[in-house]
Every structure is written in structure tokens, then in C-alpha cells.
Amino acid sequence: RADGEVKRQGATMESSRSSCRDEEEDLLEGVLLKRGGLFSGWKERLFVLTTKHIVYYESGKSCTIKGSIPLSQVKSLDSLPEKKHGKRFCMAICSPSTTWVVRADTDSDFNRWRDAIRNAIANAKPKVPNFAEVSSFLSAAGHLNTANDPAMLNDIESPTSPQEGPEKSPAAAEKVEKLSKMKIVQHAKLEDVYTIGRVIDQGNNGKVFEGVDKRSGERVAIKQIDVGSSVEDDRNHMEIWQQVQHEHVVRLLDFYQTPSQLYFVMELATGKDLFYGVMQHYHQNKPRGFSEKDAMQLTSQLLTALRHLHLRRIVHCDLKPENILLHEQDGILKLKLADWGYAQVLSSGSKLERVLGTGAYMAPEILAMQSYDEKVDMWSAGVIFFVLLCGFPPYDAIYDNDDILDLNATLKIIQNQCKNGRWDYFPSPFWDRVSREGRRFIKSLLTVDPQARASAEAALKHPWYSLSGGGSGGAGGGG
């Protein structure tokens, strides 16, 4: 075993743990610190990485399993800057419904665990995507030439199981054969158009590089993704992103494909995320929000971006300060919305049902596991705006002993702080300097009933924006 790892304590513990992970091979074992729920402390846990799970146990002589993270459900593995938790060597392991934050003691331990988990995730996922899926993905990006048979992609059939391969489905086999002969059209190679520079971010599926457009000299960000890791998610990600062209949304500029990787060329957004911006306003470790005028500017910008999305039936599903980039331009604060990993599109006459998002920003209807629409983004925006004005969130999401979000408990906290279905807790002295209209604005968004909750269009017309010339319904761009 590598340095810093621990031995299991006794044959009984070894047997107990092994019985919980039949047919799995242990890859790495060691003690890491795991953070509890929001604003909770760090707990020492024994972590074991296997070929299928990340399992963690109560540290010490106990063999009690405290939690298990299926590698197949891990959506991202991100290194966290020290400013996020005040500690070095932290990483976030994210599934669609939960985020686990863990910390190593040293840089070498951190790098070893991060690399081992990434490799295990890659090996736990299928290496080769279904050809029909990749072809549909490329067609959506405009790089697949279907002139030979325009209807080909519309009626291609994929085998429904490994047993129903081409030999048992002649029609599907013929279509796949024809499709495989079509030409993938790309105007140029990525490196012919862009100079690729340093790595500026890294997740479990790939990296983000800083680049330069050789034609214009424009600095860009280039996201590299392994084709075989999550084709369906990447296709959804790009198709939604293509529909969004707004000054307060990070722009998708170009797309390239190789046999093994996809490249998204996007606008290089400078500055820090909004979470960092809020932390910068703390004074002597005490929360302090933005000025009401600055908050008006930022909220109107985000609302115009949401209006743009919602008019196109797009629901972001994961609005939070960490997914909003903040910078200053000509003395004015500007923001841009990023991260489309959970975004969904509403079909006509239908609602969404997947439980997505981050606990402290989830709308009550998601916590209640009810179907929902774009109004969930408005609740999340209300939580963000609350944070902007006072420096801390309106409530704390509740997690159980295994750090799994407790939907019911979190929903009850929200309900207990509401009066007549609207948020009614604005603690002194943090809210004393905020106007009455500012509080009413927050209430219009933090409304339990989604039908009574303000839309982006309605929120932009709220009387709050008429105060002090801080903003208006038309601020920040059109929808």
C-alpha cells in the first residue's frame, strides 16, 4: 500500500467489509476527512475504492459502513479551491442528487486519490458508445453529412440488448452499415484553428484548456471530453447549449470531434464565481451582502438570462452561486451563467420528474418529489438573491448520517419559515439595511406554490427595480 494508507483492523473486519463488496476488487484504501452537511465539520473516515464503488467506514475499530458511492453514478470529480472550504487538498465527488466533499492530508495523497478515482470511474463506464447515439450527437452539432439519406438518422434502430445484435436485426444492421459509410464533415482540425494552452480546470471526464483563436486572436476555453464516458449526457448538454445565445450566458463557439474525444470551444469567462464574490464581502468573518444597488444589477442580469432560457422551455435545474461567473466591466458588475450538466427541456404539455440540483437551492416541489417546470429555477434564483443581499443562505439543507440529502427534513425547514406560503424569515441585523421592497422581491420568488411564484418576466417588473435607479425590467439584455 502507498504511504498514508491504513491497514484493516482484524480478520473479522476484513471479512465483514469484503462481504459487502462481492465480485469487486479493492483498488485503494486510506483515511480521508469527509465533510458533513452544509456548514458541518469534518469527520475522519476510512475510504476504500473498489472497481464499482467508493465505500467509507467509521474510522477506528468499527466496521460500520457509513456510506457507499456507486462509480456509475458519479457525474463529476472536481478539485476544490482552498477558498471554498478554507482547507487545502479538497475534492467534490458529485452524483445527480448528492455531493460528497472529502479532504486529504497531503498533496501526494490528494493526487493519488484523485487519479485513482478518475481511472476507476473511466473503467466502470462503457468504453465504446452505441454508434447510432454518436451519429445522432454529431448530427445535432452539424458535423454529420446526411445528404446521402436525410431520413437515415430519423429511423435508425439500436439493438435493445446485447443479445439482439445485427445478426438478429437485419434492418438495423443495414442502417448502421450505411450510416458508417457517411462522411464526418469538419471544416478543419482543432489545432489548425486554435492554439491550445494551459489546463485551467479538470473533471472526471476531461479537461478545460485555455486557448487562442488563430484567426482573431480571441482567447477561448476548450473543454475536452472522452466520447465513451457519457455520450447521452454530452449530447443533451450541447443541444441545449446551442439554443442559448445571451450576453449573460457563457457562449458555445465551436465544436470538434475525434474518434475518442469531443471538444467544446466556448467563451473564456474571466473573473471568479459568485460564491467567491459573496465571500469577498465578509467583514471580520461576519457575513455581509452586496449593496442593494449592486444586487439589483446582478439579479436583473440573471433574470434576463432565465427569461431567455424559459422562453425556449429550457430549465437549468442547478442554479447556485458556484455556477455563476462574476467579473467587473467598466466599473459595472457583470455575471454569466454556466454549467449545463443538469439542464432539461420541457416538452409541450408535460413536466419534469428527475430529482436534480443542489440541496440548499432545490425548490420545494423537487424536495416533495413532485413533477415540476421552469419555476424551480425561480426558487433557486430567490435563494441566490437572498445570499446576495445578506451574505448567507436562508436555510440549511439537511443531510442524514450518510450525508445523503434528507428531502423531507429540508422541506419542513422551508415550510416552518414560511408564512402564508411565502418566506418570512429575515434576521436582524443582517436584513435591517435592505428595503421593504427588497424583502417583498425575495418573497415573490421564495413562494412554496410554484403557480404563485414569480416568473422571470414578472420578477423583472417588480417594484423593487424602481428604487434608487438600481435596475429595471429591461436591464441586462433582452430575452
Protein backbone atom coordinates (compact mmCIF):
# COMPACT_ATOMS: atom_id res chain seq x y z
CA ARG A 1 0.00 0.00 0.00
CA ALA A 2 1.09 3.59 -0.64
CA ASP A 3 2.19 5.99 2.12
CA GLY A 4 -0.55 7.39 4.33
CA GLU A 5 -2.86 4.40 3.94
CA VAL A 6 -4.02 2.20 6.80
CA LYS A 7 -4.30 -1.49 7.40
CA ARG A 8 -7.63 -3.06 8.14
CA GLN A 9 -8.10 -3.99 11.77
CA GLY A 10 -8.51 -7.70 12.18
CA ALA A 11 -9.79 -10.61 10.15
CA THR A 12 -13.38 -10.03 11.31
CA MET A 13 -13.38 -6.51 9.91
CA GLU A 14 -11.77 -7.74 6.68
CA SER A 15 -14.43 -10.42 6.28
CA SER A 16 -17.29 -8.04 7.06
CA ARG A 17 -16.14 -5.46 4.55
CA SER A 18 -15.40 -7.97 1.83
CA SER A 19 -18.86 -9.47 2.19
CA CYS A 20 -20.34 -6.09 1.39
CA ARG A 21 -18.48 -5.88 -1.92
CA ASP A 22 -18.69 -9.29 -3.56
CA GLU A 23 -17.09 -9.51 -7.01
CA GLU A 24 -15.32 -6.18 -6.54
CA GLU A 25 -11.59 -5.60 -6.42
CA ASP A 26 -10.08 -3.17 -3.92
CA LEU A 27 -8.00 -0.51 -5.67
CA LEU A 28 -7.05 1.92 -2.91
CA GLU A 29 -7.61 2.31 0.81
CA GLY A 30 -6.86 5.08 3.26
CA VAL A 31 -8.12 7.62 5.77
CA LEU A 32 -9.66 10.82 4.39
CA LEU A 33 -11.63 13.59 6.05
CA LYS A 34 -15.23 13.89 4.86
CA ARG A 35 -17.34 16.98 5.30
CA GLY A 36 -20.86 16.63 6.65
CA GLY A 37 -23.84 18.72 5.54
CA LEU A 38 -23.72 22.42 4.73
CA PHE A 39 -21.66 24.28 7.38
CA SER A 40 -20.90 20.98 9.18
CA GLY A 41 -17.46 19.88 10.33
CA TRP A 42 -15.02 17.29 9.02
CA LYS A 43 -15.17 13.64 10.05
CA GLU A 44 -12.38 11.10 9.70
CA ARG A 45 -13.46 8.12 7.61
CA LEU A 46 -11.76 5.02 6.24
CA PHE A 47 -12.27 5.08 2.46
CA VAL A 48 -11.99 2.05 0.20
CA LEU A 49 -12.04 2.49 -3.57
CA THR A 50 -13.19 -0.62 -5.43
CA THR A 51 -13.86 -1.33 -9.08
CA LYS A 52 -17.52 -0.38 -8.61
CA HIS A 53 -17.87 1.80 -5.51
CA ILE A 54 -16.28 4.25 -3.14
CA VAL A 55 -17.15 2.87 0.29
CA TYR A 56 -16.45 4.72 3.53
CA TYR A 57 -16.49 3.38 7.07
CA GLU A 58 -16.50 4.79 10.54
CA SER A 59 -12.86 5.31 11.44
CA GLY A 60 -11.41 3.18 14.21
CA LYS A 61 -12.16 -0.38 15.18
CA SER A 62 -15.75 -0.32 13.97
CA CYS A 63 -16.53 -1.93 10.63
CA THR A 64 -19.74 0.04 10.24
CA ILE A 65 -20.33 1.22 6.69
CA LYS A 66 -21.28 4.90 6.73
CA GLY A 67 -21.92 5.23 3.02
CA SER A 68 -21.28 3.94 -0.48
CA ILE A 69 -20.90 5.89 -3.72
CA PRO A 70 -21.56 3.88 -6.94
CA LEU A 71 -18.95 4.87 -9.52
CA SER A 72 -21.55 4.52 -12.27
CA GLN A 73 -23.49 7.43 -10.75
CA VAL A 74 -20.55 9.81 -10.34
CA LYS A 75 -21.14 12.73 -12.69
CA SER A 76 -18.03 14.74 -11.86
CA LEU A 77 -14.93 14.70 -9.68
CA ASP A 78 -13.69 18.23 -9.09
CA SER A 79 -10.71 19.71 -7.29
CA LEU A 80 -11.91 22.46 -4.95
CA PRO A 81 -10.02 25.71 -4.42
CA GLU A 82 -8.98 26.46 -0.86
CA LYS A 83 -11.45 29.36 -0.66
CA LYS A 84 -14.46 27.03 -0.88
CA HIS A 85 -13.91 25.24 2.44
CA GLY A 86 -10.91 27.00 3.95
CA LYS A 87 -8.83 23.83 3.53
CA ARG A 88 -6.34 22.53 1.01
CA PHE A 89 -6.48 19.20 -0.85
CA CYS A 90 -10.28 19.04 -1.12
CA MET A 91 -12.29 17.36 -3.86
CA ALA A 92 -16.01 17.06 -4.61
CA ILE A 93 -17.50 13.75 -5.77
CA CYS A 94 -20.82 14.59 -7.42
CA SER A 95 -23.78 12.40 -8.36
CA PRO A 96 -27.06 13.76 -9.82
CA SER A 97 -28.52 14.16 -6.32
CA THR A 98 -25.61 14.35 -3.85
CA THR A 99 -22.17 15.89 -3.49
CA TRP A 100 -19.54 14.36 -1.18
CA VAL A 101 -16.66 16.65 -0.17
CA VAL A 102 -13.50 14.88 1.03
CA ARG A 103 -10.06 16.10 2.01
CA ALA A 104 -6.61 14.55 2.01
CA ASP A 105 -3.76 15.47 4.38
CA THR A 106 -1.07 16.00 1.77
CA ASP A 107 -0.72 16.93 -1.87
CA SER A 108 0.60 13.48 -2.77
CA ASP A 109 -2.38 11.77 -1.06
CA PHE A 110 -4.76 14.12 -2.85
CA ASN A 111 -3.24 13.42 -6.27
CA ARG A 112 -3.17 9.66 -5.66
CA TRP A 113 -6.84 9.51 -4.65
CA ARG A 114 -7.97 11.85 -7.39
CA ASP A 115 -6.17 9.91 -10.12
CA ALA A 116 -7.28 6.53 -8.78
CA ILE A 117 -10.94 7.59 -8.60
CA ARG A 118 -10.83 9.04 -12.12
CA ASN A 119 -9.34 5.85 -13.51
CA ALA A 120 -11.88 3.71 -11.66
CA ILE A 121 -14.76 5.86 -12.99
CA ALA A 122 -13.44 5.58 -16.53
CA ASN A 123 -13.11 1.79 -16.23
CA ALA A 124 -16.58 1.46 -14.70
CA LYS A 125 -18.24 3.14 -17.68
CA PRO A 126 -18.65 1.73 -21.18
CA LYS A 127 -15.67 2.49 -23.41
CA VAL A 128 -17.41 2.43 -26.77
CA PRO A 129 -20.70 4.29 -27.30
CA ASN A 130 -23.52 2.99 -29.41
CA PHE A 131 -22.80 4.15 -32.97
CA ALA A 132 -26.32 5.42 -33.52
CA GLU A 133 -26.04 7.60 -30.41
CA VAL A 134 -22.77 9.13 -31.51
CA SER A 135 -24.11 9.72 -35.02
CA SER A 136 -27.19 11.48 -33.66
CA PHE A 137 -24.94 13.56 -31.40
CA LEU A 138 -22.73 14.61 -34.29
CA SER A 139 -25.74 15.36 -36.46
CA ALA A 140 -27.06 17.76 -33.82
CA ALA A 141 -23.70 19.53 -33.89
CA GLY A 142 -23.82 19.95 -37.65
CA HIS A 143 -20.78 17.75 -38.33
CA LEU A 144 -22.55 14.73 -39.82
CA ASN A 145 -23.35 14.82 -43.53
CA THR A 146 -26.65 13.00 -44.11
CA ALA A 147 -27.14 14.17 -47.67
CA ASN A 148 -26.98 10.59 -48.95
CA ASP A 149 -30.08 9.70 -46.97
CA PRO A 150 -31.62 12.55 -44.94
CA ALA A 151 -34.09 10.20 -43.29
CA MET A 152 -31.41 7.83 -42.11
CA LEU A 153 -30.94 9.29 -38.65
CA ASN A 154 -34.69 9.59 -38.02
CA ASP A 155 -35.47 5.92 -38.26
CA ILE A 156 -32.26 4.17 -37.28
CA GLU A 157 -32.85 1.48 -34.67
CA SER A 158 -30.43 0.37 -31.99
CA PRO A 159 -30.36 -3.20 -30.63
CA THR A 160 -32.41 -3.28 -27.44
CA SER A 161 -29.99 -5.62 -25.69
CA PRO A 162 -26.59 -7.23 -26.26
CA GLN A 163 -28.38 -10.39 -27.41
CA GLU A 164 -30.25 -8.54 -30.13
CA GLY A 165 -27.26 -7.63 -32.26
CA PRO A 166 -27.15 -7.03 -36.02
CA GLU A 167 -27.41 -10.75 -36.78
CA LYS A 168 -30.86 -10.78 -35.17
CA SER A 169 -31.95 -7.40 -36.56
CA PRO A 170 -31.11 -7.24 -40.30
CA ALA A 171 -32.87 -3.89 -40.84
CA ALA A 172 -30.92 -2.21 -38.06
CA ALA A 173 -27.69 -3.81 -39.26
CA GLU A 174 -28.23 -2.45 -42.79
CA LYS A 175 -28.89 1.06 -41.47
CA VAL A 176 -25.81 1.00 -39.24
CA GLU A 177 -23.71 -0.19 -42.18
CA LYS A 178 -24.97 2.64 -44.40
CA LEU A 179 -24.51 5.16 -41.61
CA SER A 180 -20.94 4.03 -41.01
CA LYS A 181 -20.08 4.95 -44.61
CA MET A 182 -21.29 8.54 -44.24
CA LYS A 183 -18.70 11.25 -44.07
CA ILE A 184 -18.00 13.14 -40.88
CA VAL A 185 -17.59 16.73 -42.01
CA GLN A 186 -15.28 19.07 -40.12
CA HIS A 187 -14.09 22.33 -41.56
CA ALA A 188 -10.62 21.98 -40.02
CA LYS A 189 -8.75 20.25 -37.24
CA LEU A 190 -8.94 21.85 -33.83
CA GLU A 191 -5.22 22.55 -33.72
CA ASP A 192 -5.38 24.24 -37.13
CA VAL A 193 -7.79 26.86 -35.79
CA TYR A 194 -6.91 27.13 -32.10
CA THR A 195 -3.69 27.26 -30.10
CA ILE A 196 -4.15 25.07 -27.02
CA GLY A 197 -2.56 26.37 -23.80
CA ARG A 198 -2.57 25.55 -20.12
CA VAL A 199 -5.13 23.48 -18.24
CA ILE A 200 -7.48 25.77 -16.30
CA ASP A 201 -9.91 23.17 -14.94
CA GLN A 202 -10.22 19.40 -14.72
CA GLY A 203 -13.08 16.98 -14.04
CA ASN A 204 -13.50 13.21 -14.17
CA ASN A 205 -14.41 13.19 -17.88
CA GLY A 206 -11.71 15.51 -19.17
CA LYS A 207 -10.04 18.89 -19.01
CA VAL A 208 -10.62 22.54 -19.84
CA PHE A 209 -7.78 24.33 -21.61
CA GLU A 210 -7.16 27.97 -22.25
CA GLY A 211 -6.80 28.57 -25.99
CA VAL A 212 -6.43 31.25 -28.62
CA ASP A 213 -8.33 31.54 -31.90
CA LYS A 214 -5.59 31.85 -34.53
CA ARG A 215 -7.93 33.74 -36.86
CA SER A 216 -8.94 36.53 -34.49
CA GLY A 217 -6.58 36.31 -31.53
CA GLU A 218 -9.56 35.83 -29.21
CA ARG A 219 -8.87 33.90 -26.02
CA VAL A 220 -11.22 30.93 -25.56
CA ALA A 221 -11.81 27.97 -23.26
CA ILE A 222 -11.66 24.49 -24.79
CA LYS A 223 -13.42 21.66 -22.97
CA GLN A 224 -12.17 18.18 -23.85
CA ILE A 225 -14.47 15.22 -23.12
CA ASP A 226 -13.94 11.49 -23.56
CA VAL A 227 -16.52 10.27 -26.12
CA GLY A 228 -17.02 6.97 -24.34
CA SER A 229 -17.83 8.31 -20.90
CA SER A 230 -21.33 9.82 -21.18
CA VAL A 231 -22.48 10.34 -24.76
CA GLU A 232 -26.14 10.82 -23.89
CA ASP A 233 -25.41 13.49 -21.28
CA ASP A 234 -22.96 15.27 -23.57
CA ARG A 235 -25.46 15.28 -26.42
CA ASN A 236 -28.13 16.76 -24.18
CA HIS A 237 -25.61 19.28 -22.86
CA MET A 238 -24.65 20.51 -26.33
CA GLU A 239 -28.12 20.51 -27.88
CA ILE A 240 -29.41 22.71 -25.05
CA TRP A 241 -26.35 24.95 -25.07
CA GLN A 242 -26.74 25.53 -28.82
CA GLN A 243 -30.15 27.08 -28.23
CA VAL A 244 -28.86 29.61 -25.70
CA GLN A 245 -27.31 32.79 -27.09
CA HIS A 246 -27.40 35.51 -24.46
CA GLU A 247 -24.96 38.07 -23.12
CA HIS A 248 -25.29 36.69 -19.59
CA VAL A 249 -24.66 33.08 -20.58
CA VAL A 250 -21.22 31.63 -21.40
CA ARG A 251 -21.32 31.16 -25.21
CA LEU A 252 -20.63 27.94 -27.10
CA LEU A 253 -18.45 28.98 -30.05
CA ASP A 254 -17.43 25.79 -31.85
CA PHE A 255 -17.36 22.02 -31.72
CA TYR A 256 -14.83 19.41 -32.86
CA GLN A 257 -14.76 15.63 -32.83
CA THR A 258 -12.05 12.97 -33.00
CA PRO A 259 -12.56 9.19 -32.73
CA SER A 260 -12.02 9.33 -28.98
CA GLN A 261 -12.82 12.86 -27.85
CA LEU A 262 -15.19 15.80 -28.19
CA TYR A 263 -14.08 19.41 -27.91
CA PHE A 264 -16.37 22.27 -26.93
CA VAL A 265 -14.88 25.67 -27.73
CA MET A 266 -16.50 28.30 -25.56
CA GLU A 267 -16.17 31.85 -24.43
CA LEU A 268 -13.41 32.32 -21.87
CA ALA A 269 -15.17 33.89 -18.90
CA THR A 270 -12.75 35.83 -16.73
CA GLY A 271 -13.17 36.56 -13.05
CA LYS A 272 -14.39 34.35 -10.20
CA ASP A 273 -17.66 32.62 -9.38
CA LEU A 274 -20.41 34.36 -7.43
CA PHE A 275 -19.67 32.28 -4.34
CA TYR A 276 -16.22 33.90 -4.24
CA GLY A 277 -17.82 37.30 -4.76
CA VAL A 278 -20.08 36.79 -1.74
CA MET A 279 -17.17 35.65 0.44
CA GLN A 280 -15.22 38.77 -0.51
CA HIS A 281 -17.93 40.87 1.15
CA TYR A 282 -17.44 39.21 4.55
CA HIS A 283 -16.12 41.62 7.18
CA GLN A 284 -14.10 40.18 10.07
CA ASN A 285 -15.55 36.74 9.29
CA LYS A 286 -19.09 38.09 9.53
CA PRO A 287 -21.49 37.82 6.56
CA ARG A 288 -22.29 40.99 4.69
CA GLY A 289 -24.12 41.12 1.40
CA PHE A 290 -23.74 43.26 -1.69
CA SER A 291 -25.16 46.75 -1.68
CA GLU A 292 -28.78 46.83 -2.73
CA LYS A 293 -27.86 48.71 -5.91
CA ASP A 294 -25.24 46.11 -6.92
CA ALA A 295 -27.67 43.32 -6.05
CA MET A 296 -30.28 44.91 -8.33
CA GLN A 297 -27.81 44.91 -11.22
CA LEU A 298 -26.82 41.28 -10.71
CA THR A 299 -30.34 39.96 -10.13
CA SER A 300 -31.69 41.71 -13.24
CA GLN A 301 -28.89 40.19 -15.34
CA LEU A 302 -29.59 36.66 -14.09
CA LEU A 303 -33.34 37.14 -14.55
CA THR A 304 -32.93 38.20 -18.19
CA ALA A 305 -30.83 35.09 -18.78
CA LEU A 306 -33.53 32.95 -17.15
CA ARG A 307 -36.24 34.66 -19.21
CA HIS A 308 -34.22 33.75 -22.32
CA LEU A 309 -34.00 30.11 -21.20
CA HIS A 310 -37.59 29.75 -20.11
CA LEU A 311 -39.00 31.21 -23.33
CA ARG A 312 -37.20 28.30 -25.00
CA ARG A 313 -38.62 25.80 -22.49
CA ILE A 314 -35.14 25.20 -21.03
CA VAL A 315 -34.81 24.55 -17.29
CA HIS A 316 -31.31 24.91 -15.83
CA CYS A 317 -32.05 22.76 -12.72
CA ASP A 318 -28.83 23.62 -10.86
CA LEU A 319 -28.68 27.35 -10.23
CA LYS A 320 -26.26 28.23 -7.43
CA PRO A 321 -23.50 30.82 -6.88
CA GLU A 322 -20.80 28.34 -7.94
CA ASN A 323 -22.39 28.10 -11.41
CA ILE A 324 -22.46 31.85 -11.96
CA LEU A 325 -19.30 33.68 -13.06
CA LEU A 326 -18.73 37.24 -11.92
CA HIS A 327 -16.46 39.96 -13.32
CA GLU A 328 -16.25 43.73 -13.50
CA GLN A 329 -16.54 45.61 -16.79
CA ASP A 330 -16.18 49.40 -16.98
CA GLY A 331 -16.89 49.64 -13.27
CA ILE A 332 -20.11 47.57 -13.53
CA LEU A 333 -20.52 44.07 -12.12
CA LYS A 334 -21.42 41.51 -14.78
CA LEU A 335 -22.37 37.86 -14.46
CA LYS A 336 -22.60 34.89 -16.80
CA LEU A 337 -24.50 31.66 -16.25
CA ALA A 338 -22.54 28.44 -16.78
CA ASP A 339 -22.69 24.65 -16.30
CA TRP A 340 -25.46 22.93 -18.26
CA GLY A 341 -24.88 19.46 -16.83
CA TYR A 342 -28.38 19.15 -15.33
CA ALA A 343 -30.33 21.27 -17.83
CA GLN A 344 -33.52 19.80 -19.31
CA VAL A 345 -36.06 20.79 -21.94
CA LEU A 346 -39.78 20.82 -21.22
CA SER A 347 -41.89 19.03 -23.78
CA SER A 348 -45.20 20.61 -24.72
CA GLY A 349 -47.84 19.90 -22.10
CA SER A 350 -45.52 17.87 -19.85
CA LYS A 351 -43.44 18.40 -16.73
CA LEU A 352 -40.10 17.12 -15.44
CA GLU A 353 -39.62 14.49 -12.75
CA ARG A 354 -35.89 13.80 -12.15
CA VAL A 355 -34.57 14.87 -8.75
CA LEU A 356 -31.74 17.21 -9.74
CA GLY A 357 -29.87 20.10 -8.22
CA THR A 358 -28.04 21.08 -5.04
CA GLY A 359 -29.86 20.63 -1.72
CA ALA A 360 -29.83 24.20 -0.41
CA TYR A 361 -31.15 25.54 -3.74
CA MET A 362 -33.76 22.88 -4.59
CA ALA A 363 -37.35 24.06 -4.97
CA PRO A 364 -39.99 22.65 -2.59
CA GLU A 365 -41.68 20.70 -5.40
CA ILE A 366 -38.44 18.83 -6.12
CA LEU A 367 -37.93 18.12 -2.42
CA ALA A 368 -41.51 16.80 -2.33
CA MET A 369 -40.68 14.63 -5.38
CA GLN A 370 -43.44 16.20 -7.43
CA SER A 371 -43.31 16.96 -11.14
CA TYR A 372 -42.06 20.45 -11.94
CA ASP A 373 -41.37 23.07 -14.60
CA GLU A 374 -39.18 26.15 -15.08
CA LYS A 375 -40.43 27.65 -11.80
CA VAL A 376 -37.82 25.55 -9.94
CA ASP A 377 -35.19 27.90 -11.38
CA MET A 378 -37.06 30.85 -9.89
CA TRP A 379 -36.91 29.36 -6.39
CA SER A 380 -33.17 28.74 -6.80
CA ALA A 381 -32.76 32.32 -8.02
CA GLY A 382 -34.60 33.52 -4.90
CA VAL A 383 -32.14 31.66 -2.68
CA ILE A 384 -29.21 33.16 -4.61
CA PHE A 385 -30.67 36.67 -4.34
CA PHE A 386 -31.19 36.16 -0.59
CA VAL A 387 -27.48 35.30 -0.31
CA LEU A 388 -26.53 38.37 -2.37
CA LEU A 389 -28.38 40.71 -0.03
CA CYS A 390 -27.24 39.34 3.33
CA GLY A 391 -24.24 37.06 2.72
CA PHE A 392 -25.68 33.70 3.82
CA PRO A 393 -28.41 31.29 2.64
CA PRO A 394 -31.96 31.42 4.01
CA TYR A 395 -31.84 27.85 5.30
CA ASP A 396 -29.53 24.86 5.59
CA ALA A 397 -30.23 21.68 3.63
CA ILE A 398 -30.41 18.64 5.92
CA TYR A 399 -28.29 15.54 5.35
CA ASP A 400 -28.54 12.20 7.15
CA ASN A 401 -25.67 10.32 8.81
CA ASP A 402 -24.54 9.05 5.42
CA ASP A 403 -24.53 12.59 4.02
CA ILE A 404 -27.50 11.85 1.75
CA LEU A 405 -29.85 14.79 1.31
CA ASP A 406 -32.94 14.39 3.50
CA LEU A 407 -35.65 15.73 1.21
CA ASN A 408 -38.46 15.72 3.77
CA ALA A 409 -36.45 17.35 6.56
CA THR A 410 -35.21 20.10 4.24
CA LEU A 411 -38.75 20.71 3.00
CA LYS A 412 -40.04 21.01 6.59
CA ILE A 413 -37.44 23.67 7.38
CA ILE A 414 -38.67 25.70 4.42
CA GLN A 415 -42.32 25.28 5.42
CA ASN A 416 -41.59 26.29 9.04
CA GLN A 417 -40.03 29.57 7.92
CA CYS A 418 -42.87 30.50 5.58
CA LYS A 419 -45.99 32.47 6.38
CA ASN A 420 -48.96 32.03 4.06
CA GLY A 421 -46.73 30.03 1.74
CA ARG A 422 -44.05 32.75 1.38
CA TRP A 423 -40.65 33.08 3.01
CA ASP A 424 -40.90 35.20 6.15
CA TYR A 425 -37.57 34.99 7.96
CA PHE A 426 -35.21 37.96 7.51
CA PRO A 427 -32.99 38.03 10.62
CA SER A 428 -31.70 41.24 12.16
CA PRO A 429 -29.24 42.93 11.89
CA PHE A 430 -28.32 41.42 8.51
CA TRP A 431 -31.53 42.50 6.80
CA ASP A 432 -32.01 45.83 8.55
CA ARG A 433 -30.45 47.80 5.69
CA VAL A 434 -32.49 46.08 2.96
CA SER A 435 -35.60 47.93 1.78
CA ARG A 436 -39.12 46.63 2.30
CA GLU A 437 -39.47 46.18 -1.47
CA GLY A 438 -36.25 44.14 -1.48
CA ARG A 439 -37.79 41.74 1.03
CA ARG A 440 -41.02 41.58 -0.94
CA PHE A 441 -38.98 40.77 -4.03
CA ILE A 442 -37.39 37.80 -2.23
CA LYS A 443 -40.81 36.64 -1.00
CA SER A 444 -42.19 36.68 -4.55
CA LEU A 445 -39.55 34.12 -5.51
CA LEU A 446 -39.38 32.07 -2.30
CA THR A 447 -43.03 31.08 -2.61
CA VAL A 448 -43.84 27.42 -1.97
CA ASP A 449 -46.63 27.15 -4.55
CA PRO A 450 -44.92 27.23 -7.97
CA GLN A 451 -48.05 28.62 -9.62
CA ALA A 452 -47.96 31.63 -7.30
CA ARG A 453 -44.18 32.02 -7.61
CA ALA A 454 -43.00 34.87 -9.83
CA SER A 455 -41.76 34.05 -13.32
CA ALA A 456 -38.59 35.64 -14.69
CA GLU A 457 -40.71 38.09 -16.68
CA ALA A 458 -42.81 39.05 -13.64
CA ALA A 459 -39.76 39.36 -11.38
CA LEU A 460 -38.12 41.81 -13.79
CA LYS A 461 -41.17 44.07 -13.41
CA HIS A 462 -41.14 44.01 -9.62
CA PRO A 463 -41.39 47.46 -7.93
CA TRP A 464 -38.02 46.84 -6.26
CA TYR A 465 -36.27 47.76 -9.51
CA SER A 466 -37.82 51.21 -9.47
CA LEU A 467 -35.92 52.12 -6.29
CA SER A 468 -32.72 54.17 -6.47
CA GLY A 469 -32.38 53.65 -10.22
CA GLY A 470 -30.68 50.34 -9.47
CA GLY A 471 -32.27 48.33 -12.22
CA SER A 472 -35.24 47.92 -14.49
CA GLY A 473 -37.16 45.29 -16.33
CA GLY A 474 -35.06 45.86 -19.38
CA ALA A 475 -31.70 45.79 -17.63
CA GLY A 476 -29.09 43.33 -18.67
CA GLY A 477 -30.27 42.43 -22.15
CA GLY A 478 -33.29 41.02 -23.90
CA GLY A 479 -34.91 37.63 -23.64
